[in-house]
Protein backbone atom coordinates (compact mmCIF):
# COMPACT_ATOMS: atom_id res chain seq x y z
CA MET A 1 150.12 42.86 122.09
CA ALA A 2 147.20 45.22 122.40
CA ARG A 3 147.53 48.71 120.93
CA ASP A 4 145.16 51.52 121.88
CA GLY A 5 142.87 49.03 123.58
CA LEU A 6 142.58 46.81 120.43
CA TRP A 7 143.96 43.36 119.98
CA PRO A 8 145.44 42.09 116.68
CA ILE A 9 142.70 41.10 114.26
CA TRP A 10 143.34 37.36 114.48
CA TYR A 11 142.16 37.32 118.09
CA TYR A 12 138.60 38.13 117.08
CA GLY A 13 135.94 35.55 116.36
CA GLU A 14 132.84 35.53 114.20
CA ASN A 15 130.99 38.24 116.13
CA GLN A 16 134.06 40.45 116.62
CA LYS A 17 134.23 39.32 120.25
CA GLN A 18 137.64 39.28 121.82
CA GLU A 19 138.96 35.80 122.51
CA THR A 20 141.08 35.07 125.50
CA ASP A 21 142.99 32.10 124.05
CA PHE A 22 146.31 33.69 123.06
CA THR A 23 148.07 30.35 122.61
CA ARG A 24 146.47 29.15 119.40
CA GLY A 25 148.54 29.36 116.23
CA PRO A 26 150.46 29.28 114.01
CA TYR A 27 150.06 32.88 112.87
CA MET A 28 150.96 34.49 109.57
CA PRO A 29 150.06 38.16 109.90
CA THR A 30 150.13 40.59 107.00
CA TRP A 31 153.07 42.93 107.48
CA GLN A 32 152.80 45.12 104.41
CA SER A 33 150.42 45.69 101.55
CA SER A 34 150.44 47.75 98.39
CA PRO A 35 148.23 49.65 98.04
CA VAL A 36 147.57 50.41 101.71
CA PHE A 37 143.90 49.72 102.39
CA ASN A 38 141.59 52.02 104.29
CA TYR A 39 141.77 51.77 108.07
CA GLY A 40 144.56 49.15 107.77
CA ASN A 41 142.07 46.30 108.02
CA ASP A 42 144.50 43.81 106.48
CA ILE A 43 147.50 44.70 108.63
CA ASN A 44 148.18 41.98 111.20
CA GLN A 45 145.38 39.84 109.83
CA ASN A 46 146.19 36.16 110.26
CA LEU A 47 146.14 34.68 106.76
CA TYR A 48 147.10 31.27 108.09
CA ASN A 49 143.47 30.55 108.90
CA PRO A 50 141.27 27.79 107.46
CA ALA A 51 138.43 30.29 107.27
CA GLU A 52 140.35 32.52 104.89
CA TYR A 53 140.39 32.00 101.11
CA GLY A 54 143.70 30.68 99.85
CA HIS A 55 144.62 29.08 103.18
CA MET A 56 145.61 25.77 101.58
CA GLY A 57 147.75 27.40 98.90
CA LEU A 58 149.46 29.58 101.47
CA ASP A 59 150.18 26.52 103.61
CA ARG A 60 151.66 24.61 100.64
CA SER A 61 153.83 27.55 99.58
CA PHE A 62 155.26 28.10 103.05
CA ASN A 63 155.84 24.45 103.96
CA ASN A 64 157.09 23.27 100.55
CA GLY A 65 159.02 26.40 99.54
CA ALA A 66 157.21 26.44 96.18
CA ILE A 67 155.14 28.84 94.12
CA VAL A 68 151.45 27.98 94.38
CA MET A 69 148.42 29.40 92.56
CA SER A 70 145.06 29.74 94.27
CA GLU A 71 141.58 28.86 93.14
CA PHE A 72 139.28 31.54 91.69
CA ILE A 73 138.32 34.28 94.13
CA THR A 74 135.07 36.07 93.32
CA SER A 75 132.79 38.49 95.09
CA THR A 76 129.68 40.53 94.45
CA PRO A 77 130.02 43.38 91.93
CA GLY A 78 130.64 46.82 93.37
CA ASP A 79 133.12 49.63 93.86
CA MET A 80 135.67 50.44 96.55
CA PHE A 81 132.94 51.86 98.79
CA SER A 82 130.98 48.62 98.86
CA TRP A 83 129.83 47.18 102.21
CA ASP A 84 131.30 43.84 101.10
CA LEU A 85 134.88 44.08 102.32
CA LEU A 86 136.23 41.68 99.68
CA THR A 87 134.47 43.61 96.90
CA ALA A 88 135.80 46.90 98.25
CA LYS A 89 139.34 45.48 98.46
CA ILE A 90 139.29 44.16 94.89
CA ALA A 91 137.80 47.40 93.53
CA LEU A 92 140.42 49.41 95.43
CA MET A 93 143.27 47.39 93.92
CA LEU A 94 141.81 47.73 90.42
CA SER A 95 141.30 51.48 90.88
CA THR A 96 144.85 51.92 92.15
CA ALA A 97 146.28 49.97 89.21
CA LYS A 98 144.32 51.98 86.64
CA GLY A 99 144.60 55.36 88.34
CA GLU A 100 140.85 56.00 88.32
CA LEU A 101 137.71 54.73 89.98
CA VAL A 102 136.95 51.23 88.73
CA GLU A 103 133.92 49.10 89.51
CA TYR A 104 134.52 45.41 90.04
CA VAL A 105 132.13 43.34 87.88
CA GLY A 106 132.44 40.04 89.74
CA ASP A 107 134.91 38.24 87.46
CA PRO A 108 137.59 35.95 88.91
CA ILE A 109 140.63 37.10 90.83
CA GLY A 110 143.55 34.80 91.54
CA GLN A 111 146.34 34.75 94.07
CA MET A 112 149.90 33.53 93.58
CA TYR A 113 152.03 32.67 96.59
CA PHE A 114 155.78 33.21 96.44
CA PRO A 115 157.91 31.86 99.33
CA ILE A 116 160.45 34.22 100.86
CA PHE A 117 163.62 32.49 102.06
CA ASP A 118 166.09 33.27 104.80
CA SER A 119 169.11 33.10 102.45
CA PHE A 120 170.27 32.44 98.91
CA GLU A 121 171.91 29.10 99.77
CA GLU A 122 170.73 25.67 98.69
CA ASN A 123 169.54 24.71 102.21
CA ARG A 124 167.50 27.90 102.61
CA GLU A 125 164.24 27.85 104.55
CA PRO A 126 160.98 29.74 103.91
CA VAL A 127 160.31 32.47 106.46
CA ALA A 128 157.46 34.34 104.80
CA VAL A 129 155.14 34.32 101.80
CA MET A 130 154.48 37.12 99.32
CA ILE A 131 150.95 37.13 97.90
CA ALA A 132 150.27 38.61 94.46
CA TRP A 133 146.69 39.34 93.43
CA ILE A 134 145.97 38.70 89.75
CA HIS A 135 142.96 40.16 87.97
CA TRP A 136 142.76 37.76 85.06
CA ALA A 137 140.86 40.12 82.74
CA SER A 138 143.56 42.77 83.21
CA TYR A 139 146.30 40.18 82.79
CA PHE A 140 145.20 39.32 79.24
CA ARG A 141 144.65 42.90 78.06
CA ARG A 142 146.70 44.46 75.26
CA ILE A 143 148.06 41.16 73.99
CA LEU A 144 146.35 41.42 70.57
CA PRO A 145 146.15 44.30 68.06
CA LYS A 146 142.93 46.22 67.43
CA SER A 147 142.32 44.37 64.18
CA ILE A 148 141.81 41.02 65.97
CA THR A 149 138.36 40.63 67.53
CA GLY A 150 136.02 37.81 68.48
CA ILE A 151 138.53 35.57 70.26
CA TYR A 152 137.10 33.56 73.16
CA PHE A 153 139.21 31.90 75.80
CA VAL A 154 138.21 29.73 78.71
CA LEU A 155 140.35 30.02 81.82
CA GLY A 156 140.13 27.07 84.16
CA ASN A 157 141.95 25.32 86.96
CA SER A 158 142.00 21.92 88.59
CA CYS A 159 140.26 23.36 91.65
CA GLY A 160 137.02 23.41 89.68
CA GLY A 161 136.86 27.00 88.51
CA THR A 162 136.09 27.90 84.88
CA TYR A 163 135.40 31.30 83.37
CA THR A 164 134.95 32.56 79.80
CA TYR A 165 136.34 35.82 78.38
CA GLU A 166 136.13 37.54 75.00
CA ILE A 167 139.08 39.44 73.50
CA ASP A 168 138.28 42.43 71.29
CA GLY A 169 141.64 43.78 70.28
CA PRO A 170 143.41 45.17 73.35
CA THR A 171 140.32 44.84 75.60
CA VAL A 172 139.08 41.80 77.48
CA ASN A 173 135.37 41.42 78.28
CA PRO A 174 134.20 38.93 80.93
CA VAL A 175 131.46 36.71 79.52
CA GLY A 176 130.53 34.60 82.52
CA PRO A 177 131.33 31.57 84.65
CA GLY A 178 131.67 28.23 82.92
CA ASP A 179 132.68 27.27 79.39
CA LEU A 180 130.54 29.52 77.17
CA HIS A 181 132.39 29.35 73.86
CA ASP A 182 130.67 28.48 70.57
CA THR A 183 131.00 24.71 70.15
CA ASP A 184 131.02 25.11 66.36
CA PHE A 185 134.64 26.20 66.72
CA ASP A 186 135.90 23.29 68.79
CA HIS A 187 138.17 22.28 65.90
CA TRP A 188 139.95 25.64 66.29
CA LYS A 189 140.80 24.98 69.92
CA VAL A 190 144.30 25.91 71.09
CA SER A 191 145.29 24.99 74.64
CA ALA A 192 148.10 25.94 76.99
CA SER A 193 148.96 25.10 80.58
CA PHE A 194 151.79 25.02 83.11
CA GLU A 195 152.39 21.35 82.39
CA GLY A 196 156.09 20.66 82.09
CA ILE A 197 157.14 23.80 84.00
CA LYS A 198 158.86 22.71 87.19
CA GLN A 199 161.12 25.62 88.10
CA ILE A 200 160.67 29.40 88.06
CA ALA A 201 163.80 31.56 87.82
CA ASP A 202 164.21 33.84 90.85
CA GLY A 203 167.65 35.27 90.21
CA THR A 204 169.49 32.45 91.99
CA LYS A 205 171.00 29.28 90.56
CA PHE A 206 168.42 27.14 92.39
CA GLY A 207 165.14 28.74 91.30
CA ILE A 208 161.78 28.21 92.95
CA PRO A 209 159.76 25.06 92.22
CA LEU A 210 156.26 25.49 90.82
CA ASP A 211 153.65 23.40 92.62
CA THR A 212 150.82 22.55 90.21
CA THR A 213 149.37 19.71 92.27
CA TYR A 214 147.11 22.06 94.21
CA CYS A 215 145.51 24.23 91.54
CA GLU A 216 146.89 23.91 88.03
CA TYR A 217 145.69 26.52 85.53
CA HIS A 218 144.97 25.96 81.86
CA ILE A 219 143.57 28.08 79.03
CA ASP A 220 141.59 27.06 75.94
CA VAL A 221 141.32 29.53 73.05
CA TYR A 222 138.51 29.42 70.48
CA GLY A 223 137.40 31.40 67.44
CA SER A 224 133.97 32.80 66.65
CA ASP A 225 131.84 33.95 63.73
CA GLU A 226 133.12 37.48 64.22
CA PHE A 227 136.74 36.33 64.08
CA ARG A 228 136.08 34.17 61.03
CA SER A 229 134.41 37.07 59.20
CA ILE A 230 137.68 39.03 59.42
CA TYR A 231 139.41 36.51 57.15
CA ARG A 232 136.48 35.13 55.14
CA THR A 233 135.85 38.01 52.75
CA SER A 234 135.38 38.53 49.01
CA LEU A 235 138.67 40.39 48.77
CA PRO A 236 140.66 37.38 47.43
CA ILE A 237 138.07 36.85 44.65
CA VAL A 238 138.09 40.55 43.76
CA MET A 239 141.90 40.59 43.64
CA THR A 240 141.96 37.45 41.49
CA LEU A 241 139.45 38.92 39.03
CA ALA A 242 141.42 42.18 38.88
CA VAL A 243 144.65 40.32 38.07
CA ALA A 244 142.85 38.20 35.47
CA ILE A 245 141.37 41.31 33.78
CA VAL A 246 144.76 43.01 33.68
CA PHE A 247 146.30 39.86 32.19
CA VAL A 248 143.58 39.56 29.51
CA PHE A 249 143.87 43.26 28.64
CA THR A 250 147.66 42.98 28.35
CA ALA A 251 147.37 39.91 26.13
CA PHE A 252 144.79 41.68 23.92
CA MET A 253 147.02 44.74 23.52
CA PHE A 254 149.98 42.52 22.66
CA VAL A 255 147.97 40.73 19.96
CA CYS A 256 146.78 44.07 18.54
CA TYR A 257 150.33 45.42 18.49
CA ASP A 258 151.59 42.27 16.82
CA ARG A 259 148.90 42.58 14.13
CA LEU A 260 149.73 46.24 13.50
CA VAL A 261 153.44 45.50 13.19
CA GLU A 262 152.75 42.60 10.85
CA ARG A 263 150.45 44.78 8.71
CA ARG A 264 153.08 47.52 8.50
CA GLN A 265 155.78 45.03 7.52
CA ASN A 266 153.49 43.62 4.83
CA LEU A 267 152.92 47.11 3.42
CA VAL A 268 156.64 47.81 3.38
CA MET A 269 157.36 44.50 1.67
CA LEU A 270 154.61 45.10 -0.89
CA LYS A 271 156.03 48.53 -1.72
CA ALA A 272 159.52 47.05 -2.01
CA GLN A 273 158.22 44.35 -4.34
CA GLN A 274 156.44 46.93 -6.50
CA THR A 275 159.57 49.09 -6.68
CA THR A 276 161.69 46.10 -7.59
CA ALA A 277 159.20 45.14 -10.31
CA ILE A 278 159.35 48.65 -11.78
CA VAL A 279 163.15 48.64 -11.78
CA ALA A 280 163.18 45.17 -13.36
CA SER A 281 160.87 46.30 -16.16
CA LEU A 282 163.05 49.33 -16.99
CA PHE A 283 166.57 47.94 -16.80
CA PRO A 284 168.29 44.72 -17.77
CA GLU A 285 169.23 42.30 -15.03
CA ASN A 286 172.91 43.21 -14.93
CA VAL A 287 172.13 46.94 -14.75
CA ARG A 288 169.48 46.35 -12.12
CA GLU A 289 171.91 44.44 -9.91
CA ARG A 290 174.52 47.18 -10.17
CA MET A 291 172.00 49.84 -9.27
CA MET A 292 170.83 47.89 -6.20
CA GLU A 293 174.40 47.19 -5.10
CA GLN A 294 175.44 50.81 -5.53
CA ALA A 295 172.39 52.09 -3.64
CA THR A 296 173.02 49.64 -0.79
CA LYS A 297 176.62 50.73 -0.35
CA LYS A 298 175.61 54.37 -0.41
CA LEU A 299 172.95 53.86 2.26
CA GLU A 300 175.35 51.90 4.47
CA SER A 301 178.00 54.62 4.31
CA ARG A 302 175.56 57.47 4.97
CA ASP A 303 173.09 55.85 7.39
CA SER A 304 175.27 53.41 9.27
CA PHE A 305 173.66 54.52 12.53
CA MET A 306 170.11 54.40 11.25
CA SER A 307 167.77 51.49 11.80
CA PRO A 308 167.21 49.04 8.91
CA ASN A 309 163.58 50.13 8.56
CA ARG A 310 164.57 53.78 8.13
CA ARG A 311 167.28 52.88 5.56
CA LEU A 312 164.79 50.79 3.58
CA LYS A 313 162.19 53.54 3.74
CA GLY A 314 164.70 56.15 2.53
CA TYR A 315 165.71 53.95 -0.37
CA LEU A 316 162.12 53.27 -1.39
CA ASN A 317 161.31 56.98 -1.23
CA ASP A 318 164.37 57.79 -3.39
CA ASP A 319 165.74 59.86 -0.56
CA ASN A 320 169.19 59.86 -2.12
CA GLU A 321 171.43 62.66 -3.29
CA THR A 322 173.20 62.48 -6.62
CA ASP A 323 176.65 61.06 -6.17
CA THR A 324 178.97 62.29 -8.90
CA ASN A 325 181.80 60.09 -7.71
CA SER A 326 179.89 56.85 -8.12
CA ALA A 327 180.87 54.50 -10.93
CA PRO A 328 178.60 54.41 -14.00
CA ILE A 329 176.19 51.56 -14.14
CA ALA A 330 176.13 51.31 -17.99
CA ASP A 331 178.35 48.89 -19.95
CA LEU A 332 180.95 50.32 -22.33
CA PHE A 333 181.05 48.95 -25.87
CA PRO A 334 183.85 50.75 -27.81
CA HIS A 335 183.03 49.09 -31.17
CA CYS A 336 179.36 48.75 -31.95
CA THR A 337 176.84 49.52 -34.69
CA VAL A 338 173.51 51.23 -34.07
CA MET A 339 170.77 50.42 -36.52
CA PHE A 340 167.55 52.38 -36.79
CA CYS A 341 164.90 50.66 -38.87
CA ASP A 342 161.22 50.86 -39.40
CA ILE A 343 159.09 48.00 -40.55
CA ALA A 344 156.50 49.36 -42.88
CA GLY A 345 152.97 48.18 -42.73
CA LYS A 346 153.13 47.34 -39.12
C-alpha cells in the first residue's frame, strides 16, 4: 500500500517512474536491517529481483532451505557519503562495525543467505531469508600474531571471483583482484575450502544444509620473501658457534685442571719417595717398618675425619706430637757385647 503518497520501492522502474502493474511478483521485501540505513532506502526493497546482486543465491536459499554464499560484491571506493548508493551502504556498515568513519577501498564483500523456517520440526518450510554481509578483509583480521608478516592468501569462488590479500600480523591489506601471489612460493601453498561440509549446526537436531553448488569458496595461502626472512636468519649459526666455544673452553679448562692435579700428585709422590729414602738410609729395615706402622696408626686415630691427602701431608711435614705411650721401636738385647775399635793407618 502507498504511504504518504509513496509506493513501496519495488514498484519503481529504472527511471523511478511509478508502475501500475501491482500483480507482478513474487516479492521478498527487506523487513529489518542492522544498522538502519539513512532514509530507510532498503526497507521494503524487493530483493527477489533479477536485477539485484545475489538474486540467484537468495532464490536457492529460500527454495532449497539451505545456506548459500554469494559471489563477490564490489563497488567504487568511497565513504558513507558517496553518491554511489552501494559504496555508501558498504562504507556505512564498515563504519558502524568499527565505531569510526571508515572509507571503503573497493575490496570484495560477500553475502551469506540463511533460511528462516516456520518451525523446528523436520518438515519445516522456509518463510524468510536472513542476509549477512561479510567484509572479507575484516573477517581475516587478528588471526595471526604481530610477529608473523608477509603471508599472502588468495580468496576465490566458483562464480569466477578471485582476490589477493596480504596479512601483516593482525592486519589484512587488500592487494588487488586476481591471483597476485609470488609464484616462487607455489611449493608452500596451503589450501582450504568448504568441500566435505554438508550440514551447518543451527541449534536443532536437523541442522541446515550448506549449498556449495552455486558459489563455493576456497582459499590458497602462500609465503613470501618477507615471511621467509623471519625464519632464515644467522641466529642458528651464532647459537651453534656459541655452544661450540663454550664446549671447547670447558674441555680446555678440564685438561688444564687435570694437568695441575697430576703435577701436584707427582710432587707429593716425589717428596714421599725422598722421605722414605732418607728414613731407609738412617734406620734398618725392621726399624723402618715399625716406625711407618706406628706413624700410620697414630695418624688414623687422630685424623680419621681428615682426607688422605691431608694425612699424608701432615706425616711428610712431621706434623706429629710426641706420644709417650707408644711402644719403643728399638729391639731389646739383654746379653750383648759392645766393641769399640780403631783400625790404625786407615
